[in-house]
PDB file of N, CA and C in Angstrom:
ATOM      1  N   MET A   1     195.502 153.092 -55.367  1.00  0.00           N
ATOM      2  CA  MET A   1     195.091 151.814 -55.907  1.00  0.00           C
ATOM      3  C   MET A   1     193.880 152.043 -56.802  1.00  0.00           C
ATOM      4  N   HIS A   2     193.920 151.545 -58.031  1.00  0.00           N
ATOM      5  CA  HIS A   2     192.808 151.671 -58.961  1.00  0.00           C
ATOM      6  C   HIS A   2     191.812 150.555 -58.685  1.00  0.00           C
ATOM      7  N   MET A   3     190.548 150.929 -58.471  1.00  0.00           N
ATOM      8  CA  MET A   3     189.525 149.934 -58.199  1.00  0.00           C
ATOM      9  C   MET A   3     188.460 150.030 -59.279  1.00  0.00           C
ATOM     10  N   HIS A   4     187.986 148.894 -59.732  1.00  0.00           N
ATOM     11  CA  HIS A   4     186.970 148.868 -60.761  1.00  0.00           C
ATOM     12  C   HIS A   4     185.992 147.735 -60.495  1.00  0.00           C
ATOM     13  N   ALA A   5     184.853 147.811 -61.133  1.00  0.00           N
ATOM     14  CA  ALA A   5     183.839 146.777 -60.967  1.00  0.00           C
ATOM     15  C   ALA A   5     184.306 145.487 -61.626  1.00  0.00           C
ATOM     16  N   THR A   6     184.096 144.388 -60.952  1.00  0.00           N
ATOM     17  CA  THR A   6     184.420 143.093 -61.525  1.00  0.00           C
ATOM     18  C   THR A   6     183.218 142.185 -61.332  1.00  0.00           C
ATOM     19  N   SER A   7     183.023 141.286 -62.250  1.00  0.00           N
ATOM     20  CA  SER A   7     181.929 140.326 -62.158  1.00  0.00           C
ATOM     21  C   SER A   7     182.496 138.936 -61.996  1.00  0.00           C
ATOM     22  N   HIS A   8     181.830 138.134 -61.207  1.00  0.00           N
ATOM     23  CA  HIS A   8     182.218 136.752 -60.999  1.00  0.00           C
ATOM     24  C   HIS A   8     180.950 135.914 -60.993  1.00  0.00           C
ATOM     25  N   ARG A   9     181.062 134.696 -61.449  1.00  0.00           N
ATOM     26  CA  ARG A   9     179.943 133.771 -61.378  1.00  0.00           C
ATOM     27  C   ARG A   9     180.310 132.726 -60.338  1.00  0.00           C
ATOM     28  N   PHE A  10     179.441 132.543 -59.361  1.00  0.00           N
ATOM     29  CA  PHE A  10     179.697 131.588 -58.299  1.00  0.00           C
ATOM     30  C   PHE A  10     178.742 130.420 -58.456  1.00  0.00           C
ATOM     31  N   ASP A  11     179.274 129.254 -58.703  1.00  0.00           N
ATOM     32  CA  ASP A  11     178.483 128.039 -58.783  1.00  0.00           C
ATOM     33  C   ASP A  11     178.945 127.160 -57.632  1.00  0.00           C
ATOM     34  N   GLY A  12     178.220 127.210 -56.545  1.00  0.00           N
ATOM     35  CA  GLY A  12     178.664 126.443 -55.396  1.00  0.00           C
ATOM     36  C   GLY A  12     177.507 125.801 -54.675  1.00  0.00           C
ATOM     37  N   PRO A  13     177.738 124.681 -54.033  1.00  0.00           N
ATOM     38  CA  PRO A  13     176.665 123.993 -53.339  1.00  0.00           C
ATOM     39  C   PRO A  13     176.358 124.638 -51.994  1.00  0.00           C
ATOM     40  N   GLU A  14     175.124 124.656 -51.657  1.00  0.00           N
ATOM     41  CA  GLU A  14     174.660 125.033 -50.327  1.00  0.00           C
ATOM     42  C   GLU A  14     173.881 123.827 -49.828  1.00  0.00           C
ATOM     43  N   SER A  15     174.169 123.356 -48.642  1.00  0.00           N
ATOM     44  CA  SER A  15     173.530 122.150 -48.148  1.00  0.00           C
ATOM     45  C   SER A  15     172.141 122.439 -47.626  1.00  0.00           C
ATOM     46  N   GLY A  16     171.267 121.494 -47.859  1.00  0.00           N
ATOM     47  CA  GLY A  16     169.914 121.540 -47.325  1.00  0.00           C
ATOM     48  C   GLY A  16     169.503 120.118 -47.023  1.00  0.00           C
ATOM     49  N   PHE A  17     168.320 119.915 -46.507  1.00  0.00           N
ATOM     50  CA  PHE A  17     167.849 118.573 -46.221  1.00  0.00           C
ATOM     51  C   PHE A  17     166.495 118.364 -46.862  1.00  0.00           C
ATOM     52  N   ALA A  18     166.278 117.184 -47.364  1.00  0.00           N
ATOM     53  CA  ALA A  18     164.986 116.802 -47.904  1.00  0.00           C
ATOM     54  C   ALA A  18     164.611 115.483 -47.252  1.00  0.00           C
ATOM     55  N   LEU A  19     163.337 115.267 -47.073  1.00  0.00           N
ATOM     56  CA  LEU A  19     162.876 114.010 -46.487  1.00  0.00           C
ATOM     57  C   LEU A  19     162.594 113.021 -47.604  1.00  0.00           C
ATOM     58  N   HIS A  20     163.141 111.813 -47.455  1.00  0.00           N
ATOM     59  CA  HIS A  20     162.927 110.763 -48.438  1.00  0.00           C
ATOM     60  C   HIS A  20     162.366 109.553 -47.696  1.00  0.00           C
ATOM     61  N   PRO A  21     161.339 108.910 -48.270  1.00  0.00           N
ATOM     62  CA  PRO A  21     160.793 107.714 -47.604  1.00  0.00           C
ATOM     63  C   PRO A  21     161.864 106.635 -47.482  1.00  0.00           C
ATOM     64  N   ARG A  22     161.785 105.901 -46.435  1.00  0.00           N
ATOM     65  CA  ARG A  22     162.735 104.802 -46.244  1.00  0.00           C
ATOM     66  C   ARG A  22     161.979 103.618 -45.671  1.00  0.00           C
ATOM     67  N   GLY A  23     161.238 102.948 -46.523  1.00  0.00           N
ATOM     68  CA  GLY A  23     160.526 101.734 -46.118  1.00  0.00           C
ATOM     69  C   GLY A  23     159.570 101.967 -44.966  1.00  0.00           C
ATOM     70  N   PRO A  24     159.188 100.911 -44.296  1.00  0.00           N
ATOM     71  CA  PRO A  24     158.204 100.995 -43.221  1.00  0.00           C
ATOM     72  C   PRO A  24     158.727 101.704 -41.972  1.00  0.00           C
ATOM     73  N   GLN A  25     160.047 101.936 -41.880  1.00  0.00           N
ATOM     74  CA  GLN A  25     160.585 102.608 -40.704  1.00  0.00           C
ATOM     75  C   GLN A  25     160.248 104.095 -40.703  1.00  0.00           C
ATOM     76  N   GLY A  26     159.779 104.628 -41.796  1.00  0.00           N
ATOM     77  CA  GLY A  26     159.433 106.047 -41.822  1.00  0.00           C
ATOM     78  C   GLY A  26     160.297 106.805 -42.808  1.00  0.00           C
ATOM     79  N   VAL A  27     160.943 107.849 -42.325  1.00  0.00           N
ATOM     80  CA  VAL A  27     161.727 108.695 -43.219  1.00  0.00           C
ATOM     81  C   VAL A  27     163.160 108.780 -42.739  1.00  0.00           C
ATOM     82  N   ASP A  28     164.020 109.136 -43.648  1.00  0.00           N
ATOM     83  CA  ASP A  28     165.431 109.298 -43.363  1.00  0.00           C
ATOM     84  C   ASP A  28     165.856 110.642 -43.926  1.00  0.00           C
ATOM     85  N   ARG A  29     166.621 111.418 -43.165  1.00  0.00           N
ATOM     86  CA  ARG A  29     167.104 112.706 -43.660  1.00  0.00           C
ATOM     87  C   ARG A  29     168.316 112.464 -44.547  1.00  0.00           C
ATOM     88  N   CYS A  30     168.205 112.905 -45.802  1.00  0.00           N
ATOM     89  CA  CYS A  30     169.292 112.761 -46.758  1.00  0.00           C
ATOM     90  C   CYS A  30     169.685 114.147 -47.233  1.00  0.00           C
ATOM     91  N   ALA A  31     170.963 114.407 -47.240  1.00  0.00           N
ATOM     92  CA  ALA A  31     171.428 115.716 -47.705  1.00  0.00           C
ATOM     93  C   ALA A  31     171.177 115.838 -49.202  1.00  0.00           C
ATOM     94  N   THR A  32     170.702 116.996 -49.603  1.00  0.00           N
ATOM     95  CA  THR A  32     170.539 117.309 -51.016  1.00  0.00           C
ATOM     96  C   THR A  32     171.310 118.587 -51.287  1.00  0.00           C
ATOM     97  N   LEU A  33     171.574 118.873 -52.551  1.00  0.00           N
ATOM     98  CA  LEU A  33     172.319 120.066 -52.918  1.00  0.00           C
ATOM     99  C   LEU A  33     171.468 120.979 -53.778  1.00  0.00           C
ATOM    100  N   ALA A  34     171.519 122.260 -53.484  1.00  0.00           N
ATOM    101  CA  ALA A  34     170.915 123.284 -54.337  1.00  0.00           C
ATOM    102  C   ALA A  34     172.081 124.110 -54.862  1.00  0.00           C
ATOM    103  N   VAL A  35     172.211 124.208 -56.172  1.00  0.00           N
ATOM    104  CA  VAL A  35     173.345 124.916 -56.759  1.00  0.00           C
ATOM    105  C   VAL A  35     172.952 126.348 -57.068  1.00  0.00           C
ATOM    106  N   VAL A  36     173.796 127.278 -56.648  1.00  0.00           N
ATOM    107  CA  VAL A  36     173.571 128.694 -56.897  1.00  0.00           C
ATOM    108  C   VAL A  36     174.369 129.100 -58.123  1.00  0.00           C
ATOM    109  N   ALA A  37     173.796 129.874 -59.000  1.00  0.00           N
ATOM    110  CA  ALA A  37     174.497 130.358 -60.189  1.00  0.00           C
ATOM    111  C   ALA A  37     174.221 131.855 -60.313  1.00  0.00           C
ATOM    112  N   ALA A  38     174.628 132.598 -59.302  1.00  0.00           N
ATOM    113  CA  ALA A  38     174.397 134.041 -59.275  1.00  0.00           C
ATOM    114  C   ALA A  38     175.602 134.769 -59.865  1.00  0.00           C
ATOM    115  N   THR A  39     175.344 135.890 -60.505  1.00  0.00           N
ATOM    116  CA  THR A  39     176.411 136.765 -60.965  1.00  0.00           C
ATOM    117  C   THR A  39     176.702 137.739 -59.838  1.00  0.00           C
ATOM    118  N   ILE A  40     177.952 137.772 -59.376  1.00  0.00           N
ATOM    119  CA  ILE A  40     178.374 138.651 -58.290  1.00  0.00           C
ATOM    120  C   ILE A  40     179.251 139.737 -58.885  1.00  0.00           C
ATOM    121  N   GLU A  41     178.922 140.980 -58.605  1.00  0.00           N
ATOM    122  CA  GLU A  41     179.705 142.107 -59.114  1.00  0.00           C
ATOM    123  C   GLU A  41     180.186 142.955 -57.948  1.00  0.00           C
ATOM    124  N   HIS A  42     181.490 143.223 -57.913  1.00  0.00           N
ATOM    125  CA  HIS A  42     182.060 144.084 -56.883  1.00  0.00           C
ATOM    126  C   HIS A  42     181.916 145.533 -57.325  1.00  0.00           C
ATOM    127  N   GLN A  43     181.343 146.343 -56.475  1.00  0.00           N
ATOM    128  CA  GLN A  43     181.168 147.774 -56.725  1.00  0.00           C
ATOM    129  C   GLN A  43     181.976 148.534 -55.668  1.00  0.00           C
ATOM    130  N   PRO A  44     183.301 148.662 -55.843  1.00  0.00           N
ATOM    131  CA  PRO A  44     184.131 149.271 -54.810  1.00  0.00           C
ATOM    132  C   PRO A  44     183.751 150.713 -54.485  1.00  0.00           C
ATOM    133  N   ALA A  45     183.309 151.490 -55.468  1.00  0.00           N
ATOM    134  CA  ALA A  45     182.938 152.885 -55.201  1.00  0.00           C
ATOM    135  C   ALA A  45     181.737 152.960 -54.260  1.00  0.00           C
ATOM    136  N   LYS A  46     180.876 151.946 -54.310  1.00  0.00           N
ATOM    137  CA  LYS A  46     179.697 151.885 -53.432  1.00  0.00           C
ATOM    138  C   LYS A  46     179.973 151.045 -52.193  1.00  0.00           C
ATOM    139  N   GLN A  47     181.143 150.459 -52.115  1.00  0.00           N
ATOM    140  CA  GLN A  47     181.560 149.572 -51.027  1.00  0.00           C
ATOM    141  C   GLN A  47     180.552 148.450 -50.812  1.00  0.00           C
ATOM    142  N   ARG A  48     180.317 147.711 -51.899  1.00  0.00           N
ATOM    143  CA  ARG A  48     179.428 146.564 -51.789  1.00  0.00           C
ATOM    144  C   ARG A  48     179.658 145.588 -52.933  1.00  0.00           C
ATOM    145  N   PHE A  49     179.171 144.377 -52.710  1.00  0.00           N
ATOM    146  CA  PHE A  49     179.092 143.354 -53.732  1.00  0.00           C
ATOM    147  C   PHE A  49     177.608 143.185 -54.026  1.00  0.00           C
ATOM    148  N   GLU A  50     177.268 143.052 -55.304  1.00  0.00           N
ATOM    149  CA  GLU A  50     175.873 142.890 -55.708  1.00  0.00           C
ATOM    150  C   GLU A  50     175.710 141.563 -56.430  1.00  0.00           C
ATOM    151  N   ALA A  51     174.594 140.886 -56.158  1.00  0.00           N
ATOM    152  CA  ALA A  51     174.290 139.610 -56.804  1.00  0.00           C
ATOM    153  C   ALA A  51     173.026 139.761 -57.633  1.00  0.00           C
ATOM    154  N   THR A  52     173.013 139.058 -58.761  1.00  0.00           N
ATOM    155  CA  THR A  52     171.826 139.009 -59.599  1.00  0.00           C
ATOM    156  C   THR A  52     171.572 137.554 -59.963  1.00  0.00           C
ATOM    157  N   LEU A  53     170.327 137.134 -59.798  1.00  0.00           N
ATOM    158  CA  LEU A  53     169.922 135.779 -60.152  1.00  0.00           C
ATOM    159  C   LEU A  53     168.453 135.809 -60.518  1.00  0.00           C
ATOM    160  N   ASP A  54     168.134 135.349 -61.700  1.00  0.00           N
ATOM    161  CA  ASP A  54     166.747 135.291 -62.170  1.00  0.00           C
ATOM    162  C   ASP A  54     166.033 136.631 -62.033  1.00  0.00           C
ATOM    163  N   GLY A  55     166.753 137.721 -62.286  1.00  0.00           N
ATOM    164  CA  GLY A  55     166.148 139.050 -62.235  1.00  0.00           C
ATOM    165  C   GLY A  55     165.975 139.616 -60.838  1.00  0.00           C
ATOM    166  N   HIS A  56     166.441 138.910 -59.827  1.00  0.00           N
ATOM    167  CA  HIS A  56     166.357 139.375 -58.446  1.00  0.00           C
ATOM    168  C   HIS A  56     167.756 139.752 -57.961  1.00  0.00           C
ATOM    169  N   HIS A  57     167.805 140.496 -56.859  1.00  0.00           N
ATOM    170  CA  HIS A  57     169.074 141.069 -56.427  1.00  0.00           C
ATOM    171  C   HIS A  57     169.361 140.830 -54.949  1.00  0.00           C
ATOM    172  N   GLY A  58     170.634 140.916 -54.637  1.00  0.00           N
ATOM    173  CA  GLY A  58     171.111 140.871 -53.266  1.00  0.00           C
ATOM    174  C   GLY A  58     172.360 141.716 -53.172  1.00  0.00           C
ATOM    175  N   ARG A  59     172.753 142.035 -51.936  1.00  0.00           N
ATOM    176  CA  ARG A  59     173.976 142.819 -51.779  1.00  0.00           C
ATOM    177  C   ARG A  59     174.572 142.593 -50.392  1.00  0.00           C
ATOM    178  N   ILE A  60     175.862 142.837 -50.323  1.00  0.00           N
ATOM    179  CA  ILE A  60     176.574 142.847 -49.054  1.00  0.00           C
ATOM    180  C   ILE A  60     177.335 144.166 -49.011  1.00  0.00           C
ATOM    181  N   GLU A  61     177.181 144.904 -47.929  1.00  0.00           N
ATOM    182  CA  GLU A  61     177.793 146.229 -47.797  1.00  0.00           C
ATOM    183  C   GLU A  61     178.929 146.164 -46.781  1.00  0.00           C
ATOM    184  N   TYR A  62     179.976 146.915 -47.068  1.00  0.00           N
ATOM    185  CA  TYR A  62     181.155 146.906 -46.209  1.00  0.00           C
ATOM    186  C   TYR A  62     181.804 148.281 -46.203  1.00  0.00           C
ATOM    187  N   ARG A  63     182.751 148.440 -45.298  1.00  0.00           N
ATOM    188  CA  ARG A  63     183.633 149.610 -45.310  1.00  0.00           C
ATOM    189  C   ARG A  63     185.036 149.099 -44.981  1.00  0.00           C
ATOM    190  N   VAL A  64     186.048 149.837 -45.434  1.00  0.00           N
ATOM    191  CA  VAL A  64     187.430 149.451 -45.161  1.00  0.00           C
ATOM    192  C   VAL A  64     188.118 150.611 -44.471  1.00  0.00           C
ATOM    193  N   ASP A  65     188.788 150.297 -43.362  1.00  0.00           N
ATOM    194  CA  ASP A  65     189.545 151.305 -42.634  1.00  0.00           C
ATOM    195  C   ASP A  65     190.721 150.613 -41.954  1.00  0.00           C
ATOM    196  N   SER A  66     191.906 151.161 -42.147  1.00  0.00           N
ATOM    197  CA  SER A  66     193.129 150.661 -41.492  1.00  0.00           C
ATOM    198  C   SER A  66     193.316 149.163 -41.671  1.00  0.00           C
ATOM    199  N   GLY A  67     193.106 148.670 -42.890  1.00  0.00           N
ATOM    200  CA  GLY A  67     193.340 147.263 -43.176  1.00  0.00           C
ATOM    201  C   GLY A  67     192.262 146.316 -42.695  1.00  0.00           C
ATOM    202  N   VAL A  68     191.120 146.854 -42.267  1.00  0.00           N
ATOM    203  CA  VAL A  68     190.025 146.011 -41.793  1.00  0.00           C
ATOM    204  C   VAL A  68     188.788 146.258 -42.650  1.00  0.00           C
ATOM    205  N   MET A  69     188.259 145.170 -43.213  1.00  0.00           N
ATOM    206  CA  MET A  69     186.987 145.228 -43.934  1.00  0.00           C
ATOM    207  C   MET A  69     185.892 144.897 -42.930  1.00  0.00           C
ATOM    208  N   THR A  70     185.038 145.878 -42.662  1.00  0.00           N
ATOM    209  CA  THR A  70     183.914 145.657 -41.763  1.00  0.00           C
ATOM    210  C   THR A  70     182.689 145.362 -42.619  1.00  0.00           C
ATOM    211  N   ILE A  71     182.168 144.153 -42.511  1.00  0.00           N
ATOM    212  CA  ILE A  71     180.973 143.777 -43.265  1.00  0.00           C
ATOM    213  C   ILE A  71     179.768 144.178 -42.428  1.00  0.00           C
ATOM    214  N   GLU A  72     179.003 145.121 -42.972  1.00  0.00           N
ATOM    215  CA  GLU A  72     177.918 145.750 -42.223  1.00  0.00           C
ATOM    216  C   GLU A  72     176.568 145.075 -42.392  1.00  0.00           C
ATOM    217  N   HIS A  73     176.270 144.618 -43.617  1.00  0.00           N
ATOM    218  CA  HIS A  73     174.905 144.183 -43.887  1.00  0.00           C
ATOM    219  C   HIS A  73     174.865 143.269 -45.105  1.00  0.00           C
ATOM    220  N   THR A  74     174.068 142.223 -45.034  1.00  0.00           N
ATOM    221  CA  THR A  74     173.809 141.347 -46.168  1.00  0.00           C
ATOM    222  C   THR A  74     172.301 141.291 -46.368  1.00  0.00           C
ATOM    223  N   GLU A  75     171.867 141.450 -47.614  1.00  0.00           N
ATOM    224  CA  GLU A  75     170.429 141.456 -47.899  1.00  0.00           C
ATOM    225  C   GLU A  75     170.176 140.839 -49.268  1.00  0.00           C
ATOM    226  N   VAL A  76     169.150 139.993 -49.370  1.00  0.00           N
ATOM    227  CA  VAL A  76     168.737 139.433 -50.653  1.00  0.00           C
ATOM    228  C   VAL A  76     167.227 139.593 -50.789  1.00  0.00           C
ATOM    229  N   ASP A  77     166.781 139.741 -52.047  1.00  0.00           N
ATOM    230  CA  ASP A  77     165.345 139.777 -52.312  1.00  0.00           C
ATOM    231  C   ASP A  77     164.709 138.507 -51.765  1.00  0.00           C
ATOM    232  N   ARG A  78     163.476 138.628 -51.311  1.00  0.00           N
ATOM    233  CA  ARG A  78     162.758 137.481 -50.734  1.00  0.00           C
ATOM    234  C   ARG A  78     162.758 136.281 -51.695  1.00  0.00           C
ATOM    235  N   ALA A  79     162.657 136.534 -52.994  1.00  0.00           N
ATOM    236  CA  ALA A  79     162.622 135.447 -53.980  1.00  0.00           C
ATOM    237  C   ALA A  79     163.929 134.641 -54.007  1.00  0.00           C
ATOM    238  N   LEU A  80     165.004 135.200 -53.484  1.00  0.00           N
ATOM    239  CA  LEU A  80     166.297 134.520 -53.490  1.00  0.00           C
ATOM    240  C   LEU A  80     166.623 133.825 -52.175  1.00  0.00           C
ATOM    241  N   GLU A  81     165.799 134.037 -51.168  1.00  0.00           N
ATOM    242  CA  GLU A  81     166.078 133.432 -49.864  1.00  0.00           C
ATOM    243  C   GLU A  81     166.134 131.911 -49.983  1.00  0.00           C
ATOM    244  N   GLY A  82     167.123 131.323 -49.331  1.00  0.00           N
ATOM    245  CA  GLY A  82     167.277 129.874 -49.327  1.00  0.00           C
ATOM    246  C   GLY A  82     167.925 129.310 -50.583  1.00  0.00           C
ATOM    247  N   ARG A  83     168.423 130.172 -51.452  1.00  0.00           N
ATOM    248  CA  ARG A  83     169.032 129.710 -52.706  1.00  0.00           C
ATOM    249  C   ARG A  83     170.547 129.859 -52.706  1.00  0.00           C
ATOM    250  N   GLY A  84     171.142 130.214 -51.578  1.00  0.00           N
ATOM    251  CA  GLY A  84     172.595 130.293 -51.468  1.00  0.00           C
ATOM    252  C   GLY A  84     173.209 131.602 -51.918  1.00  0.00           C
ATOM    253  N   VAL A  85     172.377 132.583 -52.253  1.00  0.00           N
ATOM    254  CA  VAL A  85     172.904 133.848 -52.758  1.00  0.00           C
ATOM    255  C   VAL A  85     173.629 134.621 -51.665  1.00  0.00           C
ATOM    256  N   ALA A  86     173.060 134.683 -50.470  1.00  0.00           N
ATOM    257  CA  ALA A  86     173.719 135.395 -49.373  1.00  0.00           C
ATOM    258  C   ALA A  86     175.079 134.765 -49.074  1.00  0.00           C
ATOM    259  N   GLY A  87     175.139 133.442 -49.080  1.00  0.00           N
ATOM    260  CA  GLY A  87     176.414 132.757 -48.868  1.00  0.00           C
ATOM    261  C   GLY A  87     177.421 133.075 -49.958  1.00  0.00           C
ATOM    262  N   ALA A  88     176.958 133.145 -51.209  1.00  0.00           N
ATOM    263  CA  ALA A  88     177.855 133.488 -52.318  1.00  0.00           C
ATOM    264  C   ALA A  88     178.387 134.907 -52.169  1.00  0.00           C
ATOM    265  N   LEU A  89     177.540 135.820 -51.688  1.00  0.00           N
ATOM    266  CA  LEU A  89     177.984 137.198 -51.444  1.00  0.00           C
ATOM    267  C   LEU A  89     179.050 137.245 -50.357  1.00  0.00           C
ATOM    268  N   VAL A  90     178.824 136.514 -49.270  1.00  0.00           N
ATOM    269  CA  VAL A  90     179.811 136.484 -48.186  1.00  0.00           C
ATOM    270  C   VAL A  90     181.119 135.890 -48.691  1.00  0.00           C
ATOM    271  N   ARG A  91     181.047 134.786 -49.440  1.00  0.00           N
ATOM    272  CA  ARG A  91     182.271 134.176 -49.989  1.00  0.00           C
ATOM    273  C   ARG A  91     183.022 135.166 -50.869  1.00  0.00           C
ATOM    274  N   ALA A  92     182.307 135.902 -51.705  1.00  0.00           N
ATOM    275  CA  ALA A  92     182.954 136.880 -52.588  1.00  0.00           C
ATOM    276  C   ALA A  92     183.658 137.957 -51.767  1.00  0.00           C
ATOM    277  N   ALA A  93     182.994 138.452 -50.729  1.00  0.00           N
ATOM    278  CA  ALA A  93     183.594 139.494 -49.888  1.00  0.00           C
ATOM    279  C   ALA A  93     184.813 138.956 -49.145  1.00  0.00           C
ATOM    280  N   LEU A  94     184.714 137.746 -48.611  1.00  0.00           N
ATOM    281  CA  LEU A  94     185.831 137.164 -47.868  1.00  0.00           C
ATOM    282  C   LEU A  94     187.004 136.839 -48.805  1.00  0.00           C
ATOM    283  N   ASP A  95     186.693 136.365 -50.001  1.00  0.00           N
ATOM    284  CA  ASP A  95     187.753 136.107 -50.981  1.00  0.00           C
ATOM    285  C   ASP A  95     188.480 137.407 -51.332  1.00  0.00           C
ATOM    286  N   HIS A  96     187.710 138.475 -51.497  1.00  0.00           N
ATOM    287  CA  HIS A  96     188.297 139.782 -51.792  1.00  0.00           C
ATOM    288  C   HIS A  96     189.199 140.225 -50.637  1.00  0.00           C
ATOM    289  N   ALA A  97     188.707 140.094 -49.411  1.00  0.00           N
ATOM    290  CA  ALA A  97     189.496 140.487 -48.243  1.00  0.00           C
ATOM    291  C   ALA A  97     190.814 139.713 -48.204  1.00  0.00           C
ATOM    292  N   ARG A  98     190.743 138.424 -48.464  1.00  0.00           N
ATOM    293  CA  ARG A  98     191.959 137.590 -48.440  1.00  0.00           C
ATOM    294  C   ARG A  98     192.943 138.049 -49.523  1.00  0.00           C
ATOM    295  N   ARG A  99     192.452 138.275 -50.742  1.00  0.00           N
ATOM    296  CA  ARG A  99     193.328 138.715 -51.842  1.00  0.00           C
ATOM    297  C   ARG A  99     193.986 140.056 -51.545  1.00  0.00           C
ATOM    298  N   GLU A 100     193.250 140.941 -50.871  1.00  0.00           N
ATOM    299  CA  GLU A 100     193.752 142.288 -50.581  1.00  0.00           C
ATOM    300  C   GLU A 100     194.518 142.371 -49.273  1.00  0.00           C
ATOM    301  N   GLY A 101     194.625 141.265 -48.544  1.00  0.00           N
ATOM    302  CA  GLY A 101     195.344 141.260 -47.274  1.00  0.00           C
ATOM    303  C   GLY A 101     194.602 141.981 -46.159  1.00  0.00           C
ATOM    304  N   LEU A 102     193.272 141.994 -46.237  1.00  0.00           N
ATOM    305  CA  LEU A 102     192.458 142.674 -45.223  1.00  0.00           C
ATOM    306  C   LEU A 102     192.007 141.694 -44.149  1.00  0.00           C
ATOM    307  N   ARG A 103     191.854 142.185 -42.940  1.00  0.00           N
ATOM    308  CA  ARG A 103     191.220 141.435 -41.858  1.00  0.00           C
ATOM    309  C   ARG A 103     189.722 141.727 -41.949  1.00  0.00           C
ATOM    310  N   VAL A 104     188.878 140.921 -41.336  1.00  0.00           N
ATOM    311  CA  VAL A 104     187.427 141.084 -41.451  1.00  0.00           C
ATOM    312  C   VAL A 104     186.784 141.210 -40.076  1.00  0.00           C
ATOM    313  N   GLU A 105     185.974 142.237 -39.944  1.00  0.00           N
ATOM    314  CA  GLU A 105     185.120 142.432 -38.768  1.00  0.00           C
ATOM    315  C   GLU A 105     183.695 142.214 -39.252  1.00  0.00           C
ATOM    316  N   ALA A 106     182.994 141.253 -38.681  1.00  0.00           N
ATOM    317  CA  ALA A 106     181.637 140.919 -39.131  1.00  0.00           C
ATOM    318  C   ALA A 106     180.603 141.561 -38.206  1.00  0.00           C
ATOM    319  N   GLU A 107     180.136 142.760 -38.562  1.00  0.00           N
ATOM    320  CA  GLU A 107     179.029 143.375 -37.836  1.00  0.00           C
ATOM    321  C   GLU A 107     177.720 142.684 -38.205  1.00  0.00           C
ATOM    322  N   CYS A 108     177.660 142.196 -39.425  1.00  0.00           N
ATOM    323  CA  CYS A 108     176.477 141.509 -39.954  1.00  0.00           C
ATOM    324  C   CYS A 108     176.379 140.123 -39.308  1.00  0.00           C
ATOM    325  N   SER A 109     175.235 139.817 -38.720  1.00  0.00           N
ATOM    326  CA  SER A 109     175.074 138.529 -38.042  1.00  0.00           C
ATOM    327  C   SER A 109     175.152 137.355 -39.015  1.00  0.00           C
ATOM    328  N   TYR A 110     174.662 137.532 -40.239  1.00  0.00           N
ATOM    329  CA  TYR A 110     174.745 136.450 -41.228  1.00  0.00           C
ATOM    330  C   TYR A 110     176.207 136.130 -41.532  1.00  0.00           C
ATOM    331  N   THR A 111     177.009 137.163 -41.745  1.00  0.00           N
ATOM    332  CA  THR A 111     178.433 136.962 -42.039  1.00  0.00           C
ATOM    333  C   THR A 111     179.143 136.327 -40.852  1.00  0.00           C
ATOM    334  N   ARG A 112     178.833 136.782 -39.648  1.00  0.00           N
ATOM    335  CA  ARG A 112     179.444 136.218 -38.449  1.00  0.00           C
ATOM    336  C   ARG A 112     179.134 134.722 -38.347  1.00  0.00           C
ATOM    337  N   THR A 113     177.871 134.351 -38.566  1.00  0.00           N
ATOM    338  CA  THR A 113     177.478 132.943 -38.511  1.00  0.00           C
ATOM    339  C   THR A 113     178.144 132.151 -39.624  1.00  0.00           C
ATOM    340  N   TYR A 114     178.209 132.726 -40.827  1.00  0.00           N
ATOM    341  CA  TYR A 114     178.872 132.064 -41.948  1.00  0.00           C
ATOM    342  C   TYR A 114     180.319 131.730 -41.590  1.00  0.00           C
ATOM    343  N   MET A 115     181.017 132.698 -41.029  1.00  0.00           N
ATOM    344  CA  MET A 115     182.415 132.483 -40.683  1.00  0.00           C
ATOM    345  C   MET A 115     182.560 131.414 -39.605  1.00  0.00           C
ATOM    346  N   GLU A 116     181.662 131.386 -38.648  1.00  0.00           N
ATOM    347  CA  GLU A 116     181.710 130.360 -37.604  1.00  0.00           C
ATOM    348  C   GLU A 116     181.484 128.974 -38.187  1.00  0.00           C
ATOM    349  N   ARG A 117     180.648 128.880 -39.213  1.00  0.00           N
ATOM    350  CA  ARG A 117     180.347 127.593 -39.838  1.00  0.00           C
ATOM    351  C   ARG A 117     181.380 127.179 -40.875  1.00  0.00           C
ATOM    352  N   HIS A 118     182.272 128.095 -41.227  1.00  0.00           N
ATOM    353  CA  HIS A 118     183.333 127.818 -42.203  1.00  0.00           C
ATOM    354  C   HIS A 118     184.674 128.176 -41.569  1.00  0.00           C
ATOM    355  N   PRO A 119     185.219 127.257 -40.772  1.00  0.00           N
ATOM    356  CA  PRO A 119     186.437 127.540 -40.008  1.00  0.00           C
ATOM    357  C   PRO A 119     187.615 127.996 -40.854  1.00  0.00           C
ATOM    358  N   GLU A 120     187.624 127.653 -42.144  1.00  0.00           N
ATOM    359  CA  GLU A 120     188.716 128.080 -43.008  1.00  0.00           C
ATOM    360  C   GLU A 120     188.749 129.600 -43.200  1.00  0.00           C
ATOM    361  N   THR A 121     187.693 130.299 -42.771  1.00  0.00           N
ATOM    362  CA  THR A 121     187.639 131.748 -42.895  1.00  0.00           C
ATOM    363  C   THR A 121     188.030 132.462 -41.594  1.00  0.00           C
ATOM    364  N   LEU A 122     188.152 131.732 -40.509  1.00  0.00           N
ATOM    365  CA  LEU A 122     188.372 132.360 -39.204  1.00  0.00           C
ATOM    366  C   LEU A 122     189.696 133.096 -39.098  1.00  0.00           C
ATOM    367  N   ASP A 123     190.678 132.711 -39.912  1.00  0.00           N
ATOM    368  CA  ASP A 123     191.963 133.406 -39.874  1.00  0.00           C
ATOM    369  C   ASP A 123     191.851 134.845 -40.376  1.00  0.00           C
ATOM    370  N   LEU A 124     190.732 135.179 -41.017  1.00  0.00           N
ATOM    371  CA  LEU A 124     190.520 136.549 -41.513  1.00  0.00           C
ATOM    372  C   LEU A 124     190.018 137.492 -40.433  1.00  0.00           C
ATOM    373  N   ARG A 125     189.545 136.950 -39.326  1.00  0.00           N
ATOM    374  CA  ARG A 125     188.955 137.801 -38.278  1.00  0.00           C
ATOM    375  C   ARG A 125     189.915 138.888 -37.796  1.00  0.00           C
ATOM    376  N   ALA A 126     189.347 140.068 -37.647  1.00  0.00           N
ATOM    377  CA  ALA A 126     190.136 141.203 -37.146  1.00  0.00           C
ATOM    378  C   ALA A 126     190.352 141.071 -35.647  1.00  0.00           C
TER     379      ALA A 126
END
């Protein structure tokens, strides 16, 4: 199988909460959206996906054996924390696994939690 680097742009919402005044009763929690616009590049020779946003970087590392993609580690620069980049990396890796017919083993706690919070990904579990 020929593998090459591919780039993708992920523009997706990540939910957060902001406090907004609500009259004399105090405050009300209202969901707000922060949109991520990171460039995600698959580096199959290095077995990772890399993200770039505003000159900062993140990556998710994996290995593949016997039809199972084991996601080992997700890391983003401190400047990118809370901006949805780690989630975009996990989505890119899971989308790749689905396209390639791979099952997923999440050694990475972030990926494991992501999958638990996104039930549509649970069918990928090894």
